[in-house]
């Protein structure tokens, strides 16, 4: 069975704490692993989470502030050392390619040829791949930064009661799915549309360092899982705007307006002690009445169950 979950590797913002490592998030998506923003210490956090370099198929950087990218050298060198054989695609803002190259070749090591670089530039960039489509949109931060959206194509759900009514079973089901129609035992031609309904594909979004901007809504629209920074509490909204960040309350409003099914709050400023954690959830919940996860290091957050029918 394919795994659909977020493995949280770090939840701090600029400064790690004793309880929170720098950023790092591995989204396990139908047999693929998408590593977002590997900050310092990500390689060790992956070991704690029971993950390896072989679990990484994509590396997606939102921007080149250190808490979002200083883990790249260790990840790249581990991919090489562990002899990962499958392709790994690295996506990052093209404006930061100098920083990427410095990180990519930060030390002497036996290099690897499996990593393909995919710099992005533009307000909206789409990368078609399998088994999902990756869309990046430019956000509003102090440096160029992108948010990401992953979408699974819509599919079909077979209806057992319809198949039974037409007497279709066994190998005939596979023929129907492959050819779009099949001859039933009674001689009738039965189409795929008569025995199935469309199933909406899963969607997830990853929105890190940004103040409020127009690009957030299309990233978050209708996703099952929204992973979003909530660096500040509402009392510090002025600082959030000044430094290009969101508050927990803003994250909640974004999730409510976008129809998000599960909201994951992360990227917390070190200014707040552990006893303030509940305040982040409470502030987000004032606008959003859905499922809220306040992320901690090494949490595993499943995607909500698949919507079966359109």
C-alpha atoms as a PDB file:
ATOM      1  CA  UNK A   1       0.000   0.000   0.000  1.00  0.00           C
ATOM      2  CA  UNK A   2       1.319   3.441  -0.878  1.00  0.00           C
ATOM      3  CA  UNK A   3       2.095   5.832   1.959  1.00  0.00           C
ATOM      4  CA  UNK A   4       0.711   9.364   1.963  1.00  0.00           C
ATOM      5  CA  UNK A   5       2.094  11.305   4.913  1.00  0.00           C
ATOM      6  CA  UNK A   6       4.179  14.242   6.061  1.00  0.00           C
ATOM      7  CA  UNK A   7       7.245  13.412   8.150  1.00  0.00           C
ATOM      8  CA  UNK A   8       8.229  16.505  10.128  1.00  0.00           C
ATOM      9  CA  UNK A   9      11.982  16.789  10.550  1.00  0.00           C
ATOM     10  CA  UNK A  10      12.219  20.287  12.025  1.00  0.00           C
ATOM     11  CA  UNK A  11       9.863  23.066  13.093  1.00  0.00           C
ATOM     12  CA  UNK A  12      11.984  26.022  14.213  1.00  0.00           C
ATOM     13  CA  UNK A  13      12.426  29.251  12.291  1.00  0.00           C
ATOM     14  CA  UNK A  14      15.714  31.178  12.109  1.00  0.00           C
ATOM     15  CA  UNK A  15      17.096  29.856  15.399  1.00  0.00           C
ATOM     16  CA  UNK A  16      16.782  26.196  16.438  1.00  0.00           C
ATOM     17  CA  UNK A  17      15.943  25.402  20.049  1.00  0.00           C
ATOM     18  CA  UNK A  18      16.523  22.431  22.318  1.00  0.00           C
ATOM     19  CA  UNK A  19      13.130  21.064  21.273  1.00  0.00           C
ATOM     20  CA  UNK A  20      12.923  22.236  17.665  1.00  0.00           C
ATOM     21  CA  UNK A  21      15.423  21.590  14.862  1.00  0.00           C
ATOM     22  CA  UNK A  22      15.760  23.824  11.837  1.00  0.00           C
ATOM     23  CA  UNK A  23      13.197  23.208   9.081  1.00  0.00           C
ATOM     24  CA  UNK A  24      12.849  19.939   7.220  1.00  0.00           C
ATOM     25  CA  UNK A  25       9.774  18.138   5.858  1.00  0.00           C
ATOM     26  CA  UNK A  26       9.570  14.911   3.881  1.00  0.00           C
ATOM     27  CA  UNK A  27       6.262  14.454   2.089  1.00  0.00           C
ATOM     28  CA  UNK A  28       5.774  10.771   1.250  1.00  0.00           C
ATOM     29  CA  UNK A  29       3.537  10.752  -1.794  1.00  0.00           C
ATOM     30  CA  UNK A  30       2.450   7.541  -3.487  1.00  0.00           C
ATOM     31  CA  UNK A  31       5.891   5.972  -3.526  1.00  0.00           C
ATOM     32  CA  UNK A  32       7.828   9.218  -3.965  1.00  0.00           C
ATOM     33  CA  UNK A  33       9.580  11.367  -1.358  1.00  0.00           C
ATOM     34  CA  UNK A  34       9.625  15.164  -1.622  1.00  0.00           C
ATOM     35  CA  UNK A  35      12.062  16.809   0.796  1.00  0.00           C
ATOM     36  CA  UNK A  36      11.174  20.435   1.465  1.00  0.00           C
ATOM     37  CA  UNK A  37      13.614  22.982   2.910  1.00  0.00           C
ATOM     38  CA  UNK A  38      16.286  20.786   4.515  1.00  0.00           C
ATOM     39  CA  UNK A  39      17.757  23.001   7.221  1.00  0.00           C
ATOM     40  CA  UNK A  40      20.809  22.310   9.347  1.00  0.00           C
ATOM     41  CA  UNK A  41      20.616  18.888  10.993  1.00  0.00           C
ATOM     42  CA  UNK A  42      18.167  17.351   8.522  1.00  0.00           C
ATOM     43  CA  UNK A  43      20.374  14.325   7.824  1.00  0.00           C
ATOM     44  CA  UNK A  44      20.377  13.378  11.516  1.00  0.00           C
ATOM     45  CA  UNK A  45      16.667  14.060  11.893  1.00  0.00           C
ATOM     46  CA  UNK A  46      15.999  11.672   9.014  1.00  0.00           C
ATOM     47  CA  UNK A  47      17.915   8.981  10.886  1.00  0.00           C
ATOM     48  CA  UNK A  48      15.756   9.598  13.973  1.00  0.00           C
ATOM     49  CA  UNK A  49      12.644   9.305  11.760  1.00  0.00           C
ATOM     50  CA  UNK A  50      13.780   6.018  10.231  1.00  0.00           C
ATOM     51  CA  UNK A  51      14.302   7.573   6.799  1.00  0.00           C
ATOM     52  CA  UNK A  52      17.236   7.262   4.427  1.00  0.00           C
ATOM     53  CA  UNK A  53      18.600   9.048   1.377  1.00  0.00           C
ATOM     54  CA  UNK A  54      16.863   6.422  -0.735  1.00  0.00           C
ATOM     55  CA  UNK A  55      13.521   7.923   0.363  1.00  0.00           C
ATOM     56  CA  UNK A  56      14.264  11.200  -1.454  1.00  0.00           C
ATOM     57  CA  UNK A  57      13.136  11.763  -5.047  1.00  0.00           C
ATOM     58  CA  UNK A  58      12.753  15.544  -4.967  1.00  0.00           C
ATOM     59  CA  UNK A  59      14.446  18.349  -3.048  1.00  0.00           C
ATOM     60  CA  UNK A  60      12.388  21.565  -3.076  1.00  0.00           C
ATOM     61  CA  UNK A  61      13.783  24.771  -1.619  1.00  0.00           C
ATOM     62  CA  UNK A  62      11.516  27.733  -1.011  1.00  0.00           C
ATOM     63  CA  UNK A  63      14.412  30.182  -0.659  1.00  0.00           C
ATOM     64  CA  UNK A  64      18.022  30.468   0.465  1.00  0.00           C
ATOM     65  CA  UNK A  65      17.836  31.683   4.046  1.00  0.00           C
ATOM     66  CA  UNK A  66      19.979  29.345   6.105  1.00  0.00           C
ATOM     67  CA  UNK A  67      17.248  27.702   8.155  1.00  0.00           C
ATOM     68  CA  UNK A  68      15.744  26.436   4.885  1.00  0.00           C
ATOM     69  CA  UNK A  69      18.851  25.189   3.073  1.00  0.00           C
ATOM     70  CA  UNK A  70      21.891  24.595   5.293  1.00  0.00           C
ATOM     71  CA  UNK A  71      21.115  20.882   5.353  1.00  0.00           C
ATOM     72  CA  UNK A  72      21.625  20.571   1.589  1.00  0.00           C
ATOM     73  CA  UNK A  73      25.346  19.658   1.754  1.00  0.00           C
ATOM     74  CA  UNK A  74      24.720  16.736   4.093  1.00  0.00           C
ATOM     75  CA  UNK A  75      21.730  15.500   2.101  1.00  0.00           C
ATOM     76  CA  UNK A  76      23.599  15.664  -1.210  1.00  0.00           C
ATOM     77  CA  UNK A  77      26.648  13.938   0.199  1.00  0.00           C
ATOM     78  CA  UNK A  78      24.480  11.253   1.799  1.00  0.00           C
ATOM     79  CA  UNK A  79      22.760  10.610  -1.549  1.00  0.00           C
ATOM     80  CA  UNK A  80      26.219  10.087  -3.015  1.00  0.00           C
ATOM     81  CA  UNK A  81      27.608   8.031  -0.138  1.00  0.00           C
ATOM     82  CA  UNK A  82      24.584   5.714   0.005  1.00  0.00           C
ATOM     83  CA  UNK A  83      24.741   5.234  -3.763  1.00  0.00           C
ATOM     84  CA  UNK A  84      21.161   6.274  -4.431  1.00  0.00           C
ATOM     85  CA  UNK A  85      20.507   5.041  -7.950  1.00  0.00           C
ATOM     86  CA  UNK A  86      17.219   6.702  -8.873  1.00  0.00           C
ATOM     87  CA  UNK A  87      16.933  10.274 -10.202  1.00  0.00           C
ATOM     88  CA  UNK A  88      16.619  13.103  -7.681  1.00  0.00           C
ATOM     89  CA  UNK A  89      15.308  16.463  -8.909  1.00  0.00           C
ATOM     90  CA  UNK A  90      16.331  19.633  -7.075  1.00  0.00           C
ATOM     91  CA  UNK A  91      13.981  22.600  -7.456  1.00  0.00           C
ATOM     92  CA  UNK A  92      14.996  26.039  -6.203  1.00  0.00           C
ATOM     93  CA  UNK A  93      14.725  29.750  -7.081  1.00  0.00           C
ATOM     94  CA  UNK A  94      16.929  30.490 -10.082  1.00  0.00           C
ATOM     95  CA  UNK A  95      18.000  33.760  -8.487  1.00  0.00           C
ATOM     96  CA  UNK A  96      19.807  31.733  -5.825  1.00  0.00           C
ATOM     97  CA  UNK A  97      21.725  29.409  -8.109  1.00  0.00           C
ATOM     98  CA  UNK A  98      25.063  30.715  -6.774  1.00  0.00           C
ATOM     99  CA  UNK A  99      24.018  29.692  -3.265  1.00  0.00           C
ATOM    100  CA  UNK A 100      22.813  26.325  -4.543  1.00  0.00           C
ATOM    101  CA  UNK A 101      26.168  25.627  -6.157  1.00  0.00           C
ATOM    102  CA  UNK A 102      27.985  26.573  -2.961  1.00  0.00           C
ATOM    103  CA  UNK A 103      25.791  24.225  -0.963  1.00  0.00           C
ATOM    104  CA  UNK A 104      25.873  21.485  -3.589  1.00  0.00           C
ATOM    105  CA  UNK A 105      29.690  21.461  -3.583  1.00  0.00           C
ATOM    106  CA  UNK A 106      30.345  22.628  -0.017  1.00  0.00           C
ATOM    107  CA  UNK A 107      32.969  19.988   0.783  1.00  0.00           C
ATOM    108  CA  UNK A 108      35.198  17.359  -0.774  1.00  0.00           C
ATOM    109  CA  UNK A 109      33.267  14.141  -1.399  1.00  0.00           C
ATOM    110  CA  UNK A 110      32.650  11.462  -3.984  1.00  0.00           C
ATOM    111  CA  UNK A 111      30.016  13.154  -6.121  1.00  0.00           C
ATOM    112  CA  UNK A 112      26.830  11.754  -7.617  1.00  0.00           C
ATOM    113  CA  UNK A 113      25.247  12.195 -11.026  1.00  0.00           C
ATOM    114  CA  UNK A 114      21.675  11.341 -10.028  1.00  0.00           C
ATOM    115  CA  UNK A 115      20.744  14.912  -9.020  1.00  0.00           C
ATOM    116  CA  UNK A 116      19.141  17.024 -11.741  1.00  0.00           C
ATOM    117  CA  UNK A 117      18.885  20.739 -11.065  1.00  0.00           C
ATOM    118  CA  UNK A 118      15.620  22.504 -11.949  1.00  0.00           C
ATOM    119  CA  UNK A 119      15.936  26.255 -11.223  1.00  0.00           C
ATOM    120  CA  UNK A 120      12.583  28.073 -11.353  1.00  0.00           C
ATOM    121  CA  UNK A 121      11.859  31.655 -12.324  1.00  0.00           C
ATOM    122  CA  UNK A 122       8.509  33.367 -12.750  1.00  0.00           C
ATOM    123  CA  UNK A 123       5.357  34.144 -10.816  1.00  0.00           C
ATOM    124  CA  UNK A 124       3.966  30.647 -11.499  1.00  0.00           C
ATOM    125  CA  UNK A 125       5.930  27.623 -12.732  1.00  0.00           C
ATOM    126  CA  UNK A 126       4.532  24.117 -13.300  1.00  0.00           C
ATOM    127  CA  UNK A 127       6.613  20.951 -13.509  1.00  0.00           C
ATOM    128  CA  UNK A 128       4.785  17.945 -14.952  1.00  0.00           C
ATOM    129  CA  UNK A 129       5.986  14.661 -13.524  1.00  0.00           C
ATOM    130  CA  UNK A 130       4.740  11.309 -12.243  1.00  0.00           C
ATOM    131  CA  UNK A 131       2.783  10.719 -10.047  1.00  0.00           C
ATOM    132  CA  UNK A 132       1.941  14.395  -9.489  1.00  0.00           C
ATOM    133  CA  UNK A 133       2.101  17.896 -10.889  1.00  0.00           C
ATOM    134  CA  UNK A 134       4.318  20.361  -9.017  1.00  0.00           C
ATOM    135  CA  UNK A 135       3.435  24.065  -9.169  1.00  0.00           C
ATOM    136  CA  UNK A 136       5.569  26.811  -7.660  1.00  0.00           C
ATOM    137  CA  UNK A 137       4.366  30.374  -7.051  1.00  0.00           C
ATOM    138  CA  UNK A 138       6.424  33.377  -6.031  1.00  0.00           C
ATOM    139  CA  UNK A 139       5.623  34.603  -2.517  1.00  0.00           C
ATOM    140  CA  UNK A 140       6.429  37.839  -0.669  1.00  0.00           C
ATOM    141  CA  UNK A 141       9.488  37.583   1.561  1.00  0.00           C
ATOM    142  CA  UNK A 142      12.666  39.582   2.103  1.00  0.00           C
ATOM    143  CA  UNK A 143      14.369  37.468  -0.567  1.00  0.00           C
ATOM    144  CA  UNK A 144      12.850  35.650  -3.526  1.00  0.00           C
ATOM    145  CA  UNK A 145      10.806  32.749  -2.178  1.00  0.00           C
ATOM    146  CA  UNK A 146       8.372  30.222  -3.635  1.00  0.00           C
ATOM    147  CA  UNK A 147       5.520  28.155  -2.283  1.00  0.00           C
ATOM    148  CA  UNK A 148       4.740  24.717  -3.725  1.00  0.00           C
ATOM    149  CA  UNK A 149       1.570  22.805  -4.587  1.00  0.00           C
ATOM    150  CA  UNK A 150       1.451  19.083  -5.394  1.00  0.00           C
ATOM    151  CA  UNK A 151      -1.544  17.643  -7.237  1.00  0.00           C
ATOM    152  CA  UNK A 152      -2.407  14.079  -8.104  1.00  0.00           C
ATOM    153  CA  UNK A 153      -4.430  13.723 -11.337  1.00  0.00           C
ATOM    154  CA  UNK A 154      -8.090  12.868 -10.926  1.00  0.00           C
ATOM    155  CA  UNK A 155      -8.810   9.164 -11.231  1.00  0.00           C
ATOM    156  CA  UNK A 156     -11.698   6.714 -11.292  1.00  0.00           C
ATOM    157  CA  UNK A 157     -13.391   4.668  -8.604  1.00  0.00           C
ATOM    158  CA  UNK A 158     -15.003   1.459  -9.811  1.00  0.00           C
ATOM    159  CA  UNK A 159     -18.515   0.764  -8.514  1.00  0.00           C
ATOM    160  CA  UNK A 160     -18.803  -2.888  -7.400  1.00  0.00           C
ATOM    161  CA  UNK A 161     -22.607  -2.833  -7.469  1.00  0.00           C
ATOM    162  CA  UNK A 162     -22.618  -1.690 -11.096  1.00  0.00           C
ATOM    163  CA  UNK A 163     -20.030  -4.284 -12.090  1.00  0.00           C
ATOM    164  CA  UNK A 164     -22.078  -6.997 -10.419  1.00  0.00           C
ATOM    165  CA  UNK A 165     -25.272  -5.841 -12.133  1.00  0.00           C
ATOM    166  CA  UNK A 166     -23.593  -6.247 -15.522  1.00  0.00           C
ATOM    167  CA  UNK A 167     -21.966  -9.531 -14.539  1.00  0.00           C
ATOM    168  CA  UNK A 168     -18.472  -8.104 -14.941  1.00  0.00           C
ATOM    169  CA  UNK A 169     -15.757  -9.579 -12.737  1.00  0.00           C
ATOM    170  CA  UNK A 170     -12.245 -11.003 -12.757  1.00  0.00           C
ATOM    171  CA  UNK A 171     -10.153 -10.218 -15.865  1.00  0.00           C
ATOM    172  CA  UNK A 172     -13.088  -8.379 -17.464  1.00  0.00           C
ATOM    173  CA  UNK A 173     -12.664  -5.562 -14.948  1.00  0.00           C
ATOM    174  CA  UNK A 174      -9.072  -5.022 -16.072  1.00  0.00           C
ATOM    175  CA  UNK A 175     -10.148  -5.022 -19.701  1.00  0.00           C
ATOM    176  CA  UNK A 176     -12.825  -2.431 -18.927  1.00  0.00           C
ATOM    177  CA  UNK A 177     -10.305  -0.185 -17.178  1.00  0.00           C
ATOM    178  CA  UNK A 178      -7.746  -0.567 -19.943  1.00  0.00           C
ATOM    179  CA  UNK A 179      -9.981  -0.296 -23.025  1.00  0.00           C
ATOM    180  CA  UNK A 180     -12.819   1.839 -21.710  1.00  0.00           C
ATOM    181  CA  UNK A 181     -15.418  -0.758 -22.619  1.00  0.00           C
ATOM    182  CA  UNK A 182     -15.978  -4.490 -22.468  1.00  0.00           C
ATOM    183  CA  UNK A 183     -18.487  -7.082 -23.684  1.00  0.00           C
ATOM    184  CA  UNK A 184     -20.504  -8.392 -20.731  1.00  0.00           C
ATOM    185  CA  UNK A 185     -21.428 -12.087 -20.397  1.00  0.00           C
ATOM    186  CA  UNK A 186     -24.918 -11.356 -21.777  1.00  0.00           C
ATOM    187  CA  UNK A 187     -23.400  -9.808 -24.913  1.00  0.00           C
ATOM    188  CA  UNK A 188     -23.974  -6.165 -24.028  1.00  0.00           C
ATOM    189  CA  UNK A 189     -21.182  -3.622 -24.479  1.00  0.00           C
ATOM    190  CA  UNK A 190     -20.583  -1.898 -21.162  1.00  0.00           C
ATOM    191  CA  UNK A 191     -18.573   1.335 -20.928  1.00  0.00           C
ATOM    192  CA  UNK A 192     -16.266   2.470 -18.171  1.00  0.00           C
ATOM    193  CA  UNK A 193     -18.505   5.461 -17.486  1.00  0.00           C
ATOM    194  CA  UNK A 194     -21.361   3.079 -16.608  1.00  0.00           C
ATOM    195  CA  UNK A 195     -19.344   1.373 -13.872  1.00  0.00           C
ATOM    196  CA  UNK A 196     -17.293   4.146 -12.307  1.00  0.00           C
ATOM    197  CA  UNK A 197     -17.259   7.686 -10.951  1.00  0.00           C
ATOM    198  CA  UNK A 198     -14.473  10.220 -11.062  1.00  0.00           C
ATOM    199  CA  UNK A 199     -12.254  10.496  -7.987  1.00  0.00           C
ATOM    200  CA  UNK A 200     -10.603  13.778  -7.119  1.00  0.00           C
ATOM    201  CA  UNK A 201      -6.834  13.611  -6.861  1.00  0.00           C
ATOM    202  CA  UNK A 202      -5.056  14.369  -3.602  1.00  0.00           C
ATOM    203  CA  UNK A 203      -3.494  17.819  -3.208  1.00  0.00           C
ATOM    204  CA  UNK A 204      -1.031  19.321  -0.762  1.00  0.00           C
ATOM    205  CA  UNK A 205       0.595  22.737  -0.409  1.00  0.00           C
ATOM    206  CA  UNK A 206       3.752  23.945   1.292  1.00  0.00           C
ATOM    207  CA  UNK A 207       3.895  27.664   2.142  1.00  0.00           C
ATOM    208  CA  UNK A 208       6.937  28.889   4.021  1.00  0.00           C
ATOM    209  CA  UNK A 209       8.391  32.337   4.617  1.00  0.00           C
ATOM    210  CA  UNK A 210       5.982  34.958   3.280  1.00  0.00           C
ATOM    211  CA  UNK A 211       3.784  37.802   4.346  1.00  0.00           C
ATOM    212  CA  UNK A 212       0.195  37.808   3.068  1.00  0.00           C
ATOM    213  CA  UNK A 213       0.131  37.929  -0.751  1.00  0.00           C
ATOM    214  CA  UNK A 214      -2.072  36.938  -3.688  1.00  0.00           C
ATOM    215  CA  UNK A 215      -0.012  33.827  -4.525  1.00  0.00           C
ATOM    216  CA  UNK A 216      -1.018  31.965  -1.361  1.00  0.00           C
ATOM    217  CA  UNK A 217      -4.678  31.391  -2.285  1.00  0.00           C
ATOM    218  CA  UNK A 218      -4.091  29.393  -5.510  1.00  0.00           C
ATOM    219  CA  UNK A 219      -1.467  27.300  -3.728  1.00  0.00           C
ATOM    220  CA  UNK A 220      -3.796  26.412  -0.853  1.00  0.00           C
ATOM    221  CA  UNK A 221      -7.118  26.153  -2.717  1.00  0.00           C
ATOM    222  CA  UNK A 222      -8.898  22.897  -1.867  1.00  0.00           C
ATOM    223  CA  UNK A 223      -5.849  20.991  -0.653  1.00  0.00           C
ATOM    224  CA  UNK A 224      -6.070  18.029   1.679  1.00  0.00           C
ATOM    225  CA  UNK A 225      -2.936  19.145   3.536  1.00  0.00           C
ATOM    226  CA  UNK A 226      -1.595  22.680   3.984  1.00  0.00           C
ATOM    227  CA  UNK A 227       1.819  22.975   5.656  1.00  0.00           C
ATOM    228  CA  UNK A 228       2.250  26.641   6.453  1.00  0.00           C
ATOM    229  CA  UNK A 229       4.501  28.852   8.495  1.00  0.00           C
ATOM    230  CA  UNK A 230       3.045  30.540  11.570  1.00  0.00           C
ATOM    231  CA  UNK A 231       6.163  32.223  12.846  1.00  0.00           C
ATOM    232  CA  UNK A 232       4.413  34.805  15.018  1.00  0.00           C
ATOM    233  CA  UNK A 233       1.373  35.220  17.226  1.00  0.00           C
ATOM    234  CA  UNK A 234      -1.120  37.949  16.379  1.00  0.00           C
ATOM    235  CA  UNK A 235       0.250  40.310  19.035  1.00  0.00           C
ATOM    236  CA  UNK A 236       3.406  40.472  16.902  1.00  0.00           C
ATOM    237  CA  UNK A 237       1.647  40.957  13.555  1.00  0.00           C
ATOM    238  CA  UNK A 238       3.642  44.117  12.881  1.00  0.00           C
ATOM    239  CA  UNK A 239       6.892  42.170  13.166  1.00  0.00           C
ATOM    240  CA  UNK A 240       5.480  39.447  10.935  1.00  0.00           C
ATOM    241  CA  UNK A 241       4.760  41.975   8.190  1.00  0.00           C
ATOM    242  CA  UNK A 242       8.134  43.667   8.608  1.00  0.00           C
ATOM    243  CA  UNK A 243      10.113  40.424   8.379  1.00  0.00           C
ATOM    244  CA  UNK A 244       7.949  38.803   5.716  1.00  0.00           C
ATOM    245  CA  UNK A 245       6.152  36.182   7.792  1.00  0.00           C
ATOM    246  CA  UNK A 246       2.683  35.020   8.790  1.00  0.00           C
ATOM    247  CA  UNK A 247       0.915  34.799  12.121  1.00  0.00           C
ATOM    248  CA  UNK A 248      -1.020  31.752  13.296  1.00  0.00           C
ATOM    249  CA  UNK A 249      -4.249  33.731  12.942  1.00  0.00           C
ATOM    250  CA  UNK A 250      -3.424  34.564   9.328  1.00  0.00           C
ATOM    251  CA  UNK A 251      -2.645  30.903   8.640  1.00  0.00           C
ATOM    252  CA  UNK A 252      -6.053  29.975  10.026  1.00  0.00           C
ATOM    253  CA  UNK A 253      -7.828  32.504   7.822  1.00  0.00           C
ATOM    254  CA  UNK A 254      -5.941  31.267   4.767  1.00  0.00           C
ATOM    255  CA  UNK A 255      -6.975  27.672   5.494  1.00  0.00           C
ATOM    256  CA  UNK A 256     -10.611  28.627   6.048  1.00  0.00           C
ATOM    257  CA  UNK A 257     -10.878  30.664   2.852  1.00  0.00           C
ATOM    258  CA  UNK A 258      -9.142  27.956   0.797  1.00  0.00           C
ATOM    259  CA  UNK A 259     -11.269  25.056   2.060  1.00  0.00           C
ATOM    260  CA  UNK A 260      -8.260  23.155   3.426  1.00  0.00           C
ATOM    261  CA  UNK A 261      -8.972  19.776   5.043  1.00  0.00           C
ATOM    262  CA  UNK A 262      -5.962  19.574   7.399  1.00  0.00           C
ATOM    263  CA  UNK A 263      -3.827  22.520   8.525  1.00  0.00           C
ATOM    264  CA  UNK A 264      -0.259  22.003   9.774  1.00  0.00           C
ATOM    265  CA  UNK A 265       1.267  24.957  11.639  1.00  0.00           C
ATOM    266  CA  UNK A 266       5.066  25.128  11.815  1.00  0.00           C
ATOM    267  CA  UNK A 267       8.176  27.392  11.618  1.00  0.00           C
ATOM    268  CA  UNK A 268       7.822  28.894  15.100  1.00  0.00           C
ATOM    269  CA  UNK A 269       9.928  31.784  16.352  1.00  0.00           C
ATOM    270  CA  UNK A 270      12.232  30.997  19.234  1.00  0.00           C
ATOM    271  CA  UNK A 271      10.824  34.036  21.072  1.00  0.00           C
ATOM    272  CA  UNK A 272       7.849  31.976  22.269  1.00  0.00           C
ATOM    273  CA  UNK A 273       8.258  29.524  25.180  1.00  0.00           C
ATOM    274  CA  UNK A 274       6.738  26.054  25.124  1.00  0.00           C
ATOM    275  CA  UNK A 275       3.803  27.156  27.256  1.00  0.00           C
ATOM    276  CA  UNK A 276       2.698  29.469  24.397  1.00  0.00           C
ATOM    277  CA  UNK A 277       2.199  26.582  21.964  1.00  0.00           C
ATOM    278  CA  UNK A 278      -1.523  26.344  22.613  1.00  0.00           C
ATOM    279  CA  UNK A 279      -1.932  29.989  21.639  1.00  0.00           C
ATOM    280  CA  UNK A 280      -0.899  29.201  18.038  1.00  0.00           C
ATOM    281  CA  UNK A 281      -3.622  26.581  17.708  1.00  0.00           C
ATOM    282  CA  UNK A 282      -6.193  28.786  19.430  1.00  0.00           C
ATOM    283  CA  UNK A 283      -5.476  31.756  17.165  1.00  0.00           C
ATOM    284  CA  UNK A 284      -5.717  29.653  13.997  1.00  0.00           C
ATOM    285  CA  UNK A 285      -8.958  28.052  15.241  1.00  0.00           C
ATOM    286  CA  UNK A 286     -10.730  31.407  15.510  1.00  0.00           C
ATOM    287  CA  UNK A 287     -11.090  31.402  11.722  1.00  0.00           C
ATOM    288  CA  UNK A 288     -10.592  27.731  10.800  1.00  0.00           C
ATOM    289  CA  UNK A 289     -12.785  25.010  12.297  1.00  0.00           C
ATOM    290  CA  UNK A 290     -11.071  22.094  10.558  1.00  0.00           C
ATOM    291  CA  UNK A 291      -8.306  19.756  11.695  1.00  0.00           C
ATOM    292  CA  UNK A 292      -5.286  21.683  13.047  1.00  0.00           C
ATOM    293  CA  UNK A 293      -1.911  20.062  13.733  1.00  0.00           C
ATOM    294  CA  UNK A 294       0.671  22.037  15.667  1.00  0.00           C
ATOM    295  CA  UNK A 295       3.810  20.381  14.343  1.00  0.00           C
ATOM    296  CA  UNK A 296       6.590  18.994  16.501  1.00  0.00           C
ATOM    297  CA  UNK A 297       9.848  17.477  15.335  1.00  0.00           C
ATOM    298  CA  UNK A 298       9.481  13.860  14.155  1.00  0.00           C
ATOM    299  CA  UNK A 299       5.686  14.017  13.944  1.00  0.00           C
ATOM    300  CA  UNK A 300       4.052  11.955  11.207  1.00  0.00           C
ATOM    301  CA  UNK A 301       0.966  13.605   9.787  1.00  0.00           C
ATOM    302  CA  UNK A 302      -1.161  11.499   7.401  1.00  0.00           C
ATOM    303  CA  UNK A 303      -3.059  13.042   4.533  1.00  0.00           C
ATOM    304  CA  UNK A 304      -6.801  12.967   5.188  1.00  0.00           C
ATOM    305  CA  UNK A 305      -8.623  10.004   3.695  1.00  0.00           C
ATOM    306  CA  UNK A 306      -9.169  10.235  -0.025  1.00  0.00           C
ATOM    307  CA  UNK A 307     -12.351  11.799  -1.334  1.00  0.00           C
ATOM    308  CA  UNK A 308     -13.872   8.934  -3.258  1.00  0.00           C
ATOM    309  CA  UNK A 309     -16.295  10.640  -5.604  1.00  0.00           C
ATOM    310  CA  UNK A 310     -16.782  13.921  -7.399  1.00  0.00           C
END
